[in-house]
Amino acid sequence: MDSVSLIGMVSIIVSGLTIAIGSVGPAFGEAMALSKALSSIAQQPDESGTISRTLFIGLAMIESTAIYCFVVAIILIFVNPFWTQVAG
């Protein structure tokens, strides 16, 4: 097996693992945050606006981790910096 196909194979495997691991963690985090927020709203209905606003900001921060993992996977597949080292 030549080095270009080895780099391609490893890049695809690593990008798949990046997406798999990078999407499971934020999914559990978002589920836990939503569960706690609903529990807090049930206990204090008067503060539902503040809790919801804080929840949406927190969910956006959690989701950014999954987006970063997606960007890394796309870079590994399409713009791999190691391919230029081997080709050159």
N, C-alpha and C. Protein backbone atom coordinates (compact mmCIF):
# COMPACT_ATOMS: atom_id res chain seq x y z
N MET A 1 0.86 -1.17 0.00
CA MET A 1 0.00 0.00 0.00
C MET A 1 0.90 1.23 0.00
N ASP A 2 0.62 2.16 -0.90
CA ASP A 2 1.45 3.35 -0.97
C ASP A 2 1.01 4.37 0.09
N SER A 3 1.83 5.39 0.28
CA SER A 3 1.61 6.33 1.37
C SER A 3 0.38 7.22 1.13
N VAL A 4 0.05 7.52 -0.11
CA VAL A 4 -1.11 8.37 -0.38
C VAL A 4 -2.41 7.65 0.00
N SER A 5 -2.53 6.39 -0.34
CA SER A 5 -3.75 5.65 0.02
C SER A 5 -3.81 5.40 1.53
N LEU A 6 -2.67 5.23 2.17
CA LEU A 6 -2.65 5.07 3.64
C LEU A 6 -3.12 6.35 4.33
N ILE A 7 -2.64 7.48 3.85
CA ILE A 7 -3.07 8.75 4.43
C ILE A 7 -4.56 8.98 4.18
N GLY A 8 -5.05 8.63 3.00
CA GLY A 8 -6.48 8.76 2.71
C GLY A 8 -7.32 7.88 3.61
N MET A 9 -6.88 6.64 3.82
CA MET A 9 -7.63 5.71 4.67
C MET A 9 -7.66 6.19 6.12
N VAL A 10 -6.52 6.60 6.63
CA VAL A 10 -6.46 7.07 8.02
C VAL A 10 -7.27 8.35 8.18
N SER A 11 -7.25 9.23 7.19
CA SER A 11 -8.02 10.47 7.27
C SER A 11 -9.51 10.20 7.33
N ILE A 12 -9.99 9.25 6.54
CA ILE A 12 -11.42 8.94 6.55
C ILE A 12 -11.82 8.29 7.87
N ILE A 13 -10.99 7.39 8.39
CA ILE A 13 -11.31 6.75 9.67
C ILE A 13 -11.31 7.76 10.80
N VAL A 14 -10.31 8.63 10.84
CA VAL A 14 -10.23 9.63 11.91
C VAL A 14 -11.37 10.64 11.81
N SER A 15 -11.74 11.02 10.59
CA SER A 15 -12.86 11.96 10.46
C SER A 15 -14.18 11.31 10.90
N GLY A 16 -14.35 10.03 10.61
CA GLY A 16 -15.54 9.33 11.08
C GLY A 16 -15.60 9.24 12.60
N LEU A 17 -14.46 8.94 13.22
CA LEU A 17 -14.41 8.91 14.69
C LEU A 17 -14.63 10.30 15.29
N THR A 18 -14.12 11.32 14.62
CA THR A 18 -14.31 12.69 15.11
C THR A 18 -15.79 13.05 15.13
N ILE A 19 -16.49 12.72 14.06
CA ILE A 19 -17.93 13.02 14.02
C ILE A 19 -18.69 12.17 15.03
N ALA A 20 -18.33 10.89 15.15
CA ALA A 20 -19.04 9.99 16.07
C ALA A 20 -18.89 10.45 17.52
N ILE A 21 -17.67 10.67 17.93
CA ILE A 21 -17.44 11.07 19.32
C ILE A 21 -17.86 12.52 19.55
N GLY A 22 -17.61 13.36 18.56
CA GLY A 22 -17.94 14.77 18.70
C GLY A 22 -19.41 15.09 18.64
N SER A 23 -20.25 14.17 18.25
CA SER A 23 -21.69 14.44 18.26
C SER A 23 -22.41 13.75 19.41
N VAL A 24 -21.82 12.70 19.96
CA VAL A 24 -22.46 12.01 21.08
C VAL A 24 -22.36 12.84 22.35
N GLY A 25 -21.20 13.41 22.60
CA GLY A 25 -21.00 14.23 23.82
C GLY A 25 -21.95 15.41 23.90
N PRO A 26 -22.01 16.26 22.86
CA PRO A 26 -22.96 17.37 22.91
C PRO A 26 -24.42 16.93 22.98
N ALA A 27 -24.75 15.79 22.38
CA ALA A 27 -26.14 15.32 22.47
C ALA A 27 -26.51 15.00 23.91
N PHE A 28 -25.62 14.32 24.63
CA PHE A 28 -25.88 14.04 26.04
C PHE A 28 -25.90 15.33 26.86
N GLY A 29 -25.00 16.26 26.53
CA GLY A 29 -24.98 17.54 27.25
C GLY A 29 -26.25 18.35 27.05
N GLU A 30 -26.74 18.38 25.82
CA GLU A 30 -27.97 19.11 25.55
C GLU A 30 -29.17 18.46 26.24
N ALA A 31 -29.19 17.13 26.25
CA ALA A 31 -30.30 16.43 26.92
C ALA A 31 -30.29 16.71 28.42
N MET A 32 -29.11 16.70 29.01
CA MET A 32 -29.02 16.97 30.45
C MET A 32 -29.39 18.42 30.76
N ALA A 33 -28.94 19.37 29.93
CA ALA A 33 -29.27 20.77 30.14
C ALA A 33 -30.77 21.01 30.02
N LEU A 34 -31.39 20.40 29.01
CA LEU A 34 -32.83 20.56 28.83
C LEU A 34 -33.61 19.94 29.99
N SER A 35 -33.15 18.80 30.47
CA SER A 35 -33.80 18.16 31.60
C SER A 35 -33.74 19.03 32.85
N LYS A 36 -32.58 19.59 33.11
CA LYS A 36 -32.43 20.47 34.29
C LYS A 36 -33.24 21.74 34.13
N ALA A 37 -33.29 22.29 32.92
CA ALA A 37 -34.07 23.51 32.70
C ALA A 37 -35.56 23.26 32.89
N LEU A 38 -36.05 22.15 32.37
CA LEU A 38 -37.47 21.84 32.56
C LEU A 38 -37.79 21.60 34.02
N SER A 39 -36.89 20.98 34.71
CA SER A 39 -37.08 20.77 36.15
C SER A 39 -37.10 22.11 36.89
N SER A 40 -36.23 23.03 36.51
CA SER A 40 -36.20 24.35 37.15
C SER A 40 -37.45 25.15 36.83
N ILE A 41 -37.93 25.07 35.60
CA ILE A 41 -39.16 25.78 35.23
C ILE A 41 -40.36 25.21 35.98
N ALA A 42 -40.36 23.90 36.19
CA ALA A 42 -41.46 23.28 36.95
C ALA A 42 -41.45 23.74 38.41
N GLN A 43 -40.26 23.97 38.96
CA GLN A 43 -40.17 24.40 40.36
C GLN A 43 -40.43 25.90 40.53
N GLN A 44 -39.98 26.70 39.54
CA GLN A 44 -40.15 28.16 39.61
C GLN A 44 -40.71 28.68 38.29
N PRO A 45 -42.01 28.59 38.10
CA PRO A 45 -42.60 29.03 36.83
C PRO A 45 -42.46 30.53 36.56
N ASP A 46 -42.29 31.33 37.61
CA ASP A 46 -42.15 32.78 37.41
C ASP A 46 -40.84 33.14 36.72
N GLU A 47 -39.83 32.32 36.86
CA GLU A 47 -38.51 32.59 36.28
C GLU A 47 -38.30 31.87 34.95
N SER A 48 -39.37 31.49 34.29
CA SER A 48 -39.24 30.70 33.06
C SER A 48 -38.55 31.49 31.94
N GLY A 49 -38.76 32.79 31.87
CA GLY A 49 -38.11 33.60 30.84
C GLY A 49 -36.60 33.63 31.00
N THR A 50 -36.14 33.83 32.22
CA THR A 50 -34.70 33.86 32.49
C THR A 50 -34.07 32.49 32.27
N ILE A 51 -34.76 31.47 32.72
CA ILE A 51 -34.22 30.10 32.56
C ILE A 51 -34.16 29.73 31.08
N SER A 52 -35.19 30.08 30.31
CA SER A 52 -35.20 29.75 28.89
C SER A 52 -34.11 30.50 28.14
N ARG A 53 -33.93 31.76 28.46
CA ARG A 53 -32.89 32.55 27.80
C ARG A 53 -31.51 31.98 28.09
N THR A 54 -31.26 31.63 29.34
CA THR A 54 -29.98 31.04 29.71
C THR A 54 -29.81 29.66 29.08
N LEU A 55 -30.91 28.91 28.97
CA LEU A 55 -30.85 27.59 28.34
C LEU A 55 -30.45 27.70 26.88
N PHE A 56 -31.04 28.65 26.14
CA PHE A 56 -30.72 28.78 24.72
C PHE A 56 -29.27 29.19 24.50
N ILE A 57 -28.74 30.04 25.35
CA ILE A 57 -27.33 30.42 25.23
C ILE A 57 -26.45 29.22 25.54
N GLY A 58 -26.80 28.47 26.56
CA GLY A 58 -26.03 27.28 26.90
C GLY A 58 -26.08 26.21 25.82
N LEU A 59 -27.25 26.03 25.20
CA LEU A 59 -27.38 25.06 24.12
C LEU A 59 -26.54 25.47 22.91
N ALA A 60 -26.48 26.76 22.64
CA ALA A 60 -25.65 27.23 21.52
C ALA A 60 -24.17 26.96 21.80
N MET A 61 -23.74 27.15 23.04
CA MET A 61 -22.35 26.88 23.40
C MET A 61 -22.04 25.39 23.29
N ILE A 62 -22.98 24.55 23.72
CA ILE A 62 -22.77 23.10 23.65
C ILE A 62 -22.73 22.65 22.19
N GLU A 63 -23.61 23.20 21.37
CA GLU A 63 -23.68 22.80 19.97
C GLU A 63 -22.44 23.23 19.19
N SER A 64 -21.77 24.27 19.65
CA SER A 64 -20.56 24.72 18.94
C SER A 64 -19.47 23.64 18.97
N THR A 65 -19.44 22.81 19.99
CA THR A 65 -18.47 21.72 20.03
C THR A 65 -18.71 20.73 18.90
N ALA A 66 -19.94 20.39 18.64
CA ALA A 66 -20.26 19.48 17.53
C ALA A 66 -19.93 20.12 16.19
N ILE A 67 -20.16 21.41 16.06
CA ILE A 67 -19.84 22.10 14.81
C ILE A 67 -18.33 22.13 14.58
N TYR A 68 -17.55 22.34 15.64
CA TYR A 68 -16.09 22.32 15.50
C TYR A 68 -15.61 20.93 15.08
N CYS A 69 -16.19 19.88 15.63
CA CYS A 69 -15.81 18.52 15.23
C CYS A 69 -16.17 18.28 13.77
N PHE A 70 -17.30 18.79 13.32
CA PHE A 70 -17.69 18.65 11.92
C PHE A 70 -16.70 19.37 11.00
N VAL A 71 -16.27 20.55 11.40
CA VAL A 71 -15.31 21.31 10.59
C VAL A 71 -13.98 20.57 10.51
N VAL A 72 -13.52 20.01 11.62
CA VAL A 72 -12.27 19.25 11.61
C VAL A 72 -12.39 18.03 10.70
N ALA A 73 -13.52 17.35 10.74
CA ALA A 73 -13.71 16.18 9.88
C ALA A 73 -13.72 16.57 8.41
N ILE A 74 -14.36 17.67 8.07
CA ILE A 74 -14.38 18.14 6.68
C ILE A 74 -12.97 18.52 6.23
N ILE A 75 -12.20 19.16 7.09
CA ILE A 75 -10.82 19.51 6.75
C ILE A 75 -9.99 18.26 6.53
N LEU A 76 -10.17 17.25 7.37
CA LEU A 76 -9.40 16.02 7.20
C LEU A 76 -9.74 15.29 5.91
N ILE A 77 -10.98 15.40 5.46
CA ILE A 77 -11.37 14.69 4.24
C ILE A 77 -10.97 15.47 2.99
N PHE A 78 -11.27 16.76 2.95
CA PHE A 78 -11.12 17.51 1.70
C PHE A 78 -9.84 18.35 1.60
N VAL A 79 -9.36 18.89 2.71
CA VAL A 79 -8.21 19.79 2.66
C VAL A 79 -7.13 19.26 3.59
N ASN A 80 -6.78 18.02 3.43
CA ASN A 80 -5.83 17.38 4.33
C ASN A 80 -4.43 17.95 4.11
N PRO A 81 -3.82 18.51 5.15
CA PRO A 81 -2.48 19.08 4.97
C PRO A 81 -1.39 18.03 4.78
N PHE A 82 -1.65 16.78 5.14
CA PHE A 82 -0.63 15.74 5.00
C PHE A 82 -0.49 15.28 3.55
N TRP A 83 -1.51 15.48 2.71
CA TRP A 83 -1.44 15.04 1.33
C TRP A 83 -0.43 15.85 0.54
N THR A 84 -0.30 17.13 0.88
CA THR A 84 0.69 17.95 0.17
C THR A 84 2.11 17.54 0.53
N GLN A 85 2.31 17.04 1.74
CA GLN A 85 3.63 16.57 2.16
C GLN A 85 4.03 15.33 1.36
N VAL A 86 3.08 14.43 1.14
CA VAL A 86 3.38 13.18 0.43
C VAL A 86 3.51 13.43 -1.07
N ALA A 87 2.63 14.27 -1.60
CA ALA A 87 2.65 14.52 -3.05
C ALA A 87 3.88 15.32 -3.46
N GLY A 88 4.38 16.14 -2.53
CA GLY A 88 5.51 17.02 -2.87
C GLY A 88 6.82 16.38 -2.77
